[in-house]
Protein backbone atom coordinates (compact mmCIF):
# COMPACT_ATOMS: atom_id res chain seq x y z
CA UNK A 1 60.06 -25.59 28.59
CA UNK A 2 58.98 -21.90 29.15
CA UNK A 3 57.15 -19.63 31.56
CA UNK A 4 54.18 -17.53 31.29
CA UNK A 5 53.83 -14.75 33.74
CA UNK A 6 50.70 -12.64 33.71
CA UNK A 7 49.43 -10.14 36.38
CA UNK A 8 46.56 -12.37 37.36
CA UNK A 9 45.63 -16.03 37.01
CA UNK A 10 42.41 -17.57 37.61
CA UNK A 11 43.53 -20.58 39.48
CA UNK A 12 41.37 -23.87 39.74
CA UNK A 13 38.27 -21.69 38.66
CA UNK A 14 37.97 -20.55 42.17
CA UNK A 15 40.01 -17.42 42.81
CA UNK A 16 42.11 -14.67 41.09
CA UNK A 17 45.96 -14.83 42.19
CA UNK A 18 48.88 -12.41 41.64
CA UNK A 19 52.59 -13.19 41.58
CA UNK A 20 51.95 -16.62 40.15
CA UNK A 21 53.26 -18.09 36.80
CA UNK A 22 52.70 -21.40 34.85
CA UNK A 23 55.70 -23.35 33.65
CA UNK A 24 54.72 -25.06 30.20
CA UNK A 25 56.19 -28.35 28.83
CA UNK A 26 55.02 -29.26 25.71
CA UNK A 27 51.16 -29.02 25.34
CA UNK A 28 51.16 -29.56 29.43
CA UNK A 29 51.15 -27.16 32.42
CA UNK A 30 54.02 -28.53 34.31
CA UNK A 31 53.48 -26.45 37.35
CA UNK A 32 51.98 -23.43 38.84
CA UNK A 33 54.94 -21.27 40.33
CA UNK A 34 55.21 -18.50 42.64
CA UNK A 35 57.22 -15.72 41.08
CA UNK A 36 59.66 -15.41 43.93
CA UNK A 37 60.99 -18.99 42.95
CA UNK A 38 61.34 -18.33 39.50
CA UNK A 39 64.86 -16.44 39.87
CA UNK A 40 66.20 -19.16 42.11
CA UNK A 41 65.12 -22.38 40.42
CA UNK A 42 64.13 -21.52 36.82
CA UNK A 43 66.53 -18.83 35.86
CA UNK A 44 67.74 -20.42 32.65
CA UNK A 45 64.14 -20.90 31.17
CA UNK A 46 62.61 -18.46 28.93
CA UNK A 47 59.76 -16.38 30.39
CA UNK A 48 57.09 -14.47 28.54
CA UNK A 49 55.45 -11.73 30.71
CA UNK A 50 51.97 -10.11 30.48
CA UNK A 51 52.09 -7.60 32.92
CA UNK A 52 48.37 -6.05 32.24
CA UNK A 53 46.78 -9.54 31.73
CA UNK A 54 44.52 -11.86 33.30
CA UNK A 55 45.22 -15.51 32.26
CA UNK A 56 41.75 -17.32 32.11
CA UNK A 57 41.09 -21.11 31.16
CA UNK A 58 40.27 -21.79 27.64
CA UNK A 59 36.57 -21.87 26.81
CA UNK A 60 34.26 -24.33 25.44
CA UNK A 61 31.50 -24.24 22.82
CA UNK A 62 29.34 -27.25 23.67
CA UNK A 63 26.80 -27.16 20.94
CA UNK A 64 27.41 -25.35 17.55
CA UNK A 65 24.67 -25.93 15.12
CA UNK A 66 26.11 -25.46 11.59
CA UNK A 67 22.95 -26.46 9.64
CA UNK A 68 22.46 -22.70 8.76
CA UNK A 69 25.89 -22.74 6.96
CA UNK A 70 25.67 -23.15 3.19
CA UNK A 71 28.76 -25.13 2.82
CA UNK A 72 32.03 -26.52 4.27
CA UNK A 73 33.83 -23.25 3.97
CA UNK A 74 31.20 -21.43 5.98
CA UNK A 75 31.45 -24.03 8.73
CA UNK A 76 35.16 -23.78 8.98
CA UNK A 77 34.95 -20.01 8.96
CA UNK A 78 32.25 -20.08 11.83
CA UNK A 79 34.76 -22.46 13.76
CA UNK A 80 37.68 -20.25 13.40
CA UNK A 81 35.62 -17.22 14.66
CA UNK A 82 35.16 -19.26 17.95
CA UNK A 83 38.69 -19.79 18.08
CA UNK A 84 39.29 -15.99 17.85
CA UNK A 85 36.96 -15.54 20.79
CA UNK A 86 38.90 -17.89 22.97
CA UNK A 87 37.43 -21.16 22.23
CA UNK A 88 39.54 -24.22 21.87
CA UNK A 89 37.04 -27.02 22.66
CA UNK A 90 34.10 -27.45 20.31
CA UNK A 91 31.10 -29.77 19.97
CA UNK A 92 29.61 -29.35 16.70
CA UNK A 93 26.37 -30.66 14.90
CA UNK A 94 25.60 -30.72 11.28
CA UNK A 95 23.42 -32.74 8.98
CA UNK A 96 26.68 -33.44 6.92
CA UNK A 97 28.83 -34.25 9.91
CA UNK A 98 30.90 -36.53 7.72
CA UNK A 99 31.95 -33.48 5.55
CA UNK A 100 32.77 -31.58 8.83
CA UNK A 101 34.95 -34.36 10.27
CA UNK A 102 37.15 -33.40 7.44
CA UNK A 103 37.93 -30.00 8.59
CA UNK A 104 41.20 -29.92 10.65
CA UNK A 105 41.91 -27.10 12.78
CA UNK A 106 44.87 -28.23 14.97
CA UNK A 107 44.08 -25.49 17.83
CA UNK A 108 40.43 -27.07 18.45
CA UNK A 109 39.48 -30.13 20.30
CA UNK A 110 36.42 -31.30 18.31
CA UNK A 111 33.44 -33.46 19.36
CA UNK A 112 30.95 -34.43 16.59
CA UNK A 113 27.49 -34.64 17.35
CA UNK A 114 25.26 -37.16 15.59
CA UNK A 115 21.59 -36.21 15.85
CA UNK A 116 18.51 -38.74 15.89
CA UNK A 117 14.93 -37.55 15.76
CA UNK A 118 12.08 -39.71 17.41
CA UNK A 119 9.53 -38.44 14.75
CA UNK A 120 11.64 -39.39 11.71
CA UNK A 121 13.99 -42.39 12.99
CA UNK A 122 14.63 -45.24 10.67
CA UNK A 123 16.75 -48.46 11.40
CA UNK A 124 19.21 -47.12 8.66
CA UNK A 125 19.91 -43.93 10.82
CA UNK A 126 20.84 -46.23 13.72
CA UNK A 127 22.88 -48.56 11.26
CA UNK A 128 24.75 -45.47 9.80
CA UNK A 129 25.44 -44.14 13.36
CA UNK A 130 26.73 -47.51 14.52
CA UNK A 131 28.95 -47.72 11.37
CA UNK A 132 30.66 -44.41 12.01
CA UNK A 133 31.11 -44.92 15.66
CA UNK A 134 32.66 -48.62 14.94
CA UNK A 135 34.91 -47.15 12.21
CA UNK A 136 36.60 -44.74 14.31
CA UNK A 137 36.54 -46.59 17.61
CA UNK A 138 40.48 -46.98 17.62
CA UNK A 139 41.13 -43.17 16.59
CA UNK A 140 41.21 -41.47 19.79
CA UNK A 141 41.42 -38.09 18.00
CA UNK A 142 37.65 -38.39 16.85
CA UNK A 143 35.17 -38.15 19.49
CA UNK A 144 31.30 -38.14 19.30
CA UNK A 145 28.16 -37.20 21.14
CA UNK A 146 24.62 -38.45 20.23
CA UNK A 147 21.68 -35.92 20.32
CA UNK A 148 18.10 -37.11 20.61
CA UNK A 149 15.43 -34.79 19.38
CA UNK A 150 11.74 -35.33 20.14
CA UNK A 151 12.69 -38.13 22.55
CA UNK A 152 9.26 -38.95 23.85
CA UNK A 153 8.52 -40.00 20.19
CA UNK A 154 11.09 -42.84 20.05
CA UNK A 155 9.55 -46.38 19.89
CA UNK A 156 10.24 -48.01 23.20
CA UNK A 157 12.55 -50.85 21.91
CA UNK A 158 14.46 -48.27 19.88
CA UNK A 159 15.22 -45.99 22.77
CA UNK A 160 16.26 -49.24 24.80
CA UNK A 161 18.42 -50.32 21.96
CA UNK A 162 20.04 -46.70 21.66
CA UNK A 163 20.67 -46.64 25.42
CA UNK A 164 22.41 -49.93 25.17
CA UNK A 165 24.82 -48.80 22.51
CA UNK A 166 25.60 -45.53 24.14
CA UNK A 167 26.43 -47.29 27.44
CA UNK A 168 28.53 -50.06 25.82
CA UNK A 169 30.90 -47.39 24.06
CA UNK A 170 30.50 -44.75 26.95
CA UNK A 171 29.26 -41.86 24.73
CA UNK A 172 27.80 -38.57 26.11
CA UNK A 173 24.18 -37.80 25.26
CA UNK A 174 22.38 -34.50 24.47
CA UNK A 175 18.49 -34.40 24.95
CA UNK A 176 16.64 -31.80 23.18
CA UNK A 177 13.95 -30.84 25.89
CA UNK A 178 11.45 -28.88 23.71
CA UNK A 179 9.11 -31.86 23.74
CA UNK A 180 9.05 -31.84 27.32
CA UNK A 181 7.78 -28.22 27.87
CA UNK A 182 4.14 -29.39 27.92
CA UNK A 183 4.57 -32.36 30.20
CA UNK A 184 3.35 -31.07 33.75
CA UNK A 185 1.94 -34.07 35.35
CA UNK A 186 4.06 -35.50 38.06
CA UNK A 187 3.13 -38.88 37.50
CA UNK A 188 4.08 -38.60 33.91
CA UNK A 189 7.27 -37.07 34.70
CA UNK A 190 7.97 -39.78 37.18
CA UNK A 191 7.34 -42.48 34.68
CA UNK A 192 9.51 -40.96 32.02
CA UNK A 193 12.55 -40.45 34.31
CA UNK A 194 12.08 -43.82 36.04
CA UNK A 195 11.99 -45.43 32.60
CA UNK A 196 15.04 -43.41 31.41
CA UNK A 197 16.96 -44.07 34.48
CA UNK A 198 16.38 -47.89 34.33
CA UNK A 199 17.93 -48.05 31.22
CA UNK A 200 20.86 -45.63 32.23
CA UNK A 201 19.72 -42.98 29.78
CA UNK A 202 18.90 -39.91 31.44
CA UNK A 203 21.57 -39.56 34.34
CA UNK A 204 24.47 -37.43 33.54
CA UNK A 205 23.07 -36.41 30.32
CA UNK A 206 22.79 -32.91 28.79
CA UNK A 207 19.28 -31.41 28.61
CA UNK A 208 18.36 -28.68 26.19
CA UNK A 209 15.75 -26.28 27.14
CA UNK A 210 15.69 -26.57 30.77
CA UNK A 211 14.85 -22.86 31.53
CA UNK A 212 11.57 -23.78 30.09
CA UNK A 213 10.77 -26.86 32.16
CA UNK A 214 8.51 -26.82 35.37
CA UNK A 215 10.18 -26.78 38.83
CA UNK A 216 9.53 -30.36 39.13
CA UNK A 217 11.49 -31.12 36.13
CA UNK A 218 14.31 -28.91 37.43
CA UNK A 219 14.22 -30.71 40.76
CA UNK A 220 14.86 -34.18 39.01
CA UNK A 221 17.38 -32.78 36.67
CA UNK A 222 19.47 -31.83 39.78
CA UNK A 223 18.89 -35.14 41.32
CA UNK A 224 19.93 -36.97 38.29
CA UNK A 225 22.99 -35.00 37.87
CA UNK A 226 21.69 -33.71 34.50
CA UNK A 227 23.43 -30.73 33.09
CA UNK A 228 21.35 -28.03 31.90
CA UNK A 229 22.13 -26.83 28.55
CA UNK A 230 21.13 -23.12 27.99
CA UNK A 231 21.60 -21.29 24.61
CA UNK A 232 22.74 -17.70 24.60
CA UNK A 233 19.53 -17.00 22.50
CA UNK A 234 17.36 -18.11 25.47
CA UNK A 235 19.05 -15.42 27.72
CA UNK A 236 17.49 -12.41 25.49
CA UNK A 237 15.16 -11.74 28.42
CA UNK A 238 15.42 -10.88 31.91
CA UNK A 239 13.02 -13.24 32.97
CA UNK A 240 15.20 -16.11 31.47
CA UNK A 241 18.29 -14.85 32.86
CA UNK A 242 16.88 -14.66 36.23
CA UNK A 243 15.81 -18.32 35.78
CA UNK A 244 19.35 -19.36 34.59
CA UNK A 245 20.93 -17.48 37.69
CA UNK A 246 18.38 -19.31 39.84
CA UNK A 247 19.64 -22.70 38.48
CA UNK A 248 23.26 -21.57 39.17
CA UNK A 249 22.21 -20.56 42.63
CA UNK A 250 20.80 -24.14 43.41
CA UNK A 251 24.03 -25.68 42.08
CA UNK A 252 22.53 -27.20 39.08
CA UNK A 253 25.35 -27.59 36.59
CA UNK A 254 24.88 -25.54 33.44
CA UNK A 255 26.70 -25.08 30.20
CA UNK A 256 26.18 -22.14 27.79
CA UNK A 257 25.86 -22.71 24.22
CA UNK A 258 25.98 -20.80 20.97
CA UNK A 259 23.61 -23.09 18.90
CA UNK A 260 23.03 -21.11 15.30
CA UNK A 261 24.23 -17.98 16.41
CA UNK A 262 26.85 -16.13 14.20
CA UNK A 263 28.21 -14.33 17.29
CA UNK A 264 29.85 -15.47 20.46
CA UNK A 265 27.81 -13.98 23.16
CA UNK A 266 29.57 -15.19 26.35
CA UNK A 267 30.88 -11.39 27.06
CA UNK A 268 27.67 -9.90 26.52
CA UNK A 269 26.00 -12.22 28.97
CA UNK A 270 28.67 -11.55 31.69
CA UNK A 271 28.24 -7.87 31.47
CA UNK A 272 24.35 -8.08 31.56
CA UNK A 273 24.38 -10.28 34.62
CA UNK A 274 26.76 -8.07 36.58
CA UNK A 275 24.36 -5.10 35.69
CA UNK A 276 21.52 -7.12 37.19
CA UNK A 277 23.68 -8.21 40.27
CA UNK A 278 22.35 -5.97 43.14
CA UNK A 279 24.62 -7.49 45.73
CA UNK A 280 27.94 -6.23 44.22
CA UNK A 281 31.04 -7.66 45.93
CA UNK A 282 34.61 -8.45 45.26
CA UNK A 283 34.05 -12.15 44.16
CA UNK A 284 35.58 -12.26 40.72
CA UNK A 285 33.00 -14.85 39.47
CA UNK A 286 30.29 -15.11 42.04
CA UNK A 287 27.82 -16.84 39.93
CA UNK A 288 30.30 -19.38 38.48
CA UNK A 289 29.41 -18.17 34.89
CA UNK A 290 32.95 -19.24 33.66
CA UNK A 291 32.33 -22.72 34.86
CA UNK A 292 29.50 -22.97 32.25
CA UNK A 293 32.10 -22.80 29.37
CA UNK A 294 35.04 -24.53 31.18
CA UNK A 295 34.88 -27.08 34.02
CA UNK A 296 31.08 -28.22 33.47
CA UNK A 297 31.92 -29.26 29.96
CA UNK A 298 34.74 -31.39 30.79
CA UNK A 299 33.07 -34.80 30.39
CA UNK A 300 32.19 -34.13 26.72
CA UNK A 301 35.87 -34.06 25.97
CA UNK A 302 36.88 -37.45 27.77
CA UNK A 303 39.30 -38.16 24.81
CA UNK A 304 41.29 -35.22 25.23
CA UNK A 305 43.73 -33.86 28.03
CA UNK A 306 41.82 -31.93 30.41
CA UNK A 307 41.89 -27.97 30.07
CA UNK A 308 38.75 -26.84 32.06
CA UNK A 309 40.83 -25.10 34.49
CA UNK A 310 44.31 -23.57 35.16
CA UNK A 311 46.03 -26.30 37.09
CA UNK A 312 49.06 -28.76 37.17
CA UNK A 313 48.74 -31.47 34.67
CA UNK A 314 46.05 -29.86 32.51
CA UNK A 315 46.48 -28.92 28.88
CA UNK A 316 48.20 -25.49 28.40
CA UNK A 317 45.11 -23.90 26.64
CA UNK A 318 44.23 -20.57 28.05
CA UNK A 319 43.34 -16.91 27.15
CA UNK A 320 44.98 -13.58 28.13
CA UNK A 321 42.94 -10.53 28.36
CA UNK A 322 44.52 -7.16 28.64
CA UNK A 323 42.30 -5.29 31.03
CA UNK A 324 44.47 -1.98 31.13
CA UNK A 325 42.17 -0.42 28.44
CA UNK A 326 38.91 -0.67 29.87
CA UNK A 327 39.62 -0.62 33.62
CA UNK A 328 41.41 2.07 35.75
CA UNK A 329 42.32 0.61 38.97
CA UNK A 330 42.69 3.06 41.85
CA UNK A 331 45.34 0.29 43.33
CA UNK A 332 47.24 -1.69 40.82
CA UNK A 333 46.94 -4.59 43.15
CA UNK A 334 42.99 -4.69 43.09
CA UNK A 335 41.54 -7.58 41.38
CA UNK A 336 39.71 -6.80 38.17
CA UNK A 337 35.94 -7.50 37.44
CA UNK A 338 34.73 -10.50 35.44
CA UNK A 339 32.95 -7.90 33.45
CA UNK A 340 35.92 -6.36 32.15
CA UNK A 341 36.64 -9.66 29.96
CA UNK A 342 35.78 -9.00 26.54
CA UNK A 343 36.45 -9.63 22.68
CA UNK A 344 38.51 -6.38 22.62
CA UNK A 345 40.62 -7.23 25.61
CA UNK A 346 41.20 -10.93 24.54
CA UNK A 347 44.95 -10.39 22.98
CA UNK A 348 46.24 -13.87 23.15
CA UNK A 349 44.62 -17.48 22.69
CA UNK A 350 46.98 -20.30 23.67
CA UNK A 351 46.18 -23.94 22.66
CA UNK A 352 48.22 -26.89 23.78
CA UNK A 353 51.17 -24.89 24.54
CA UNK A 354 51.31 -22.91 21.57
CA UNK A 355 49.96 -19.27 20.65
CA UNK A 356 47.27 -18.89 18.13
CA UNK A 357 48.05 -15.90 15.78
CA UNK A 358 44.93 -13.57 15.94
């Protein structure tokens, strides 16, 4: 066992605290400690101190599309680049997903996404999917998600069959929502959602393209506990950023994804959102942006020990940011702002109780 003592800890994704440390036992956070108790109860345990750092939960990439990579080496390079940005949980999609499954990066919890397209689906595609899922069903280190593209083009019997398979093995579903953008008629929307709900397909799914859907769609997304999946590319306009913030304000669960980008744009989005925030206050993460790459992604990684927040019993995977270089605090006890977090201040990435060499 050993102790990690930063200046600040973002506990339970709710508040920054000082004078707290984490006790690590193997890959697990065994306890959250008050610093005043360390000398009394844990004097003989080794302690690593980070006097200028904020300790944050590890980040998640919920949908990395690797189809723009030329080969497996490029895919692995892209995955390691995310790791250097503080990501230790990754959902990855690629046409050659079987090749990607042979990539072993011990610091990453990896979920593989199998995509099916309603316009091109064949029975052989379903058989190949079920064969893979059946082969790995006893291997808890291999976890899968299914992604449905062009969902409205699936034959009714096929979509019922797919839903039955997903529910039988309790697997998460991504829905590509691009084909839903032009469906504005409320009766048509109700009919689709009613059908999908009856076969237990829509509820608790992950819907891509939610920013482009109308308000009636968005209301039903929240009612059905659907997670809105938003790509950093979509947040390239002020209009879409405001739509994203509106979803968060309405308590719609959201996750942020990289998709095909070669850069990790979380830090950039954080800074832009803070500049747009006219109601500045001292709340560290008022808009709950961090939840979009931590807690809100946890169900996607049910095979792995939870690491969506810093709390007792979770996996000891976290990021340390040295904020001394880009924030001059008048009072050393003042809490830093979320916008000080960036790639340059990220000095340490920990995964399952071990530090990754940057």
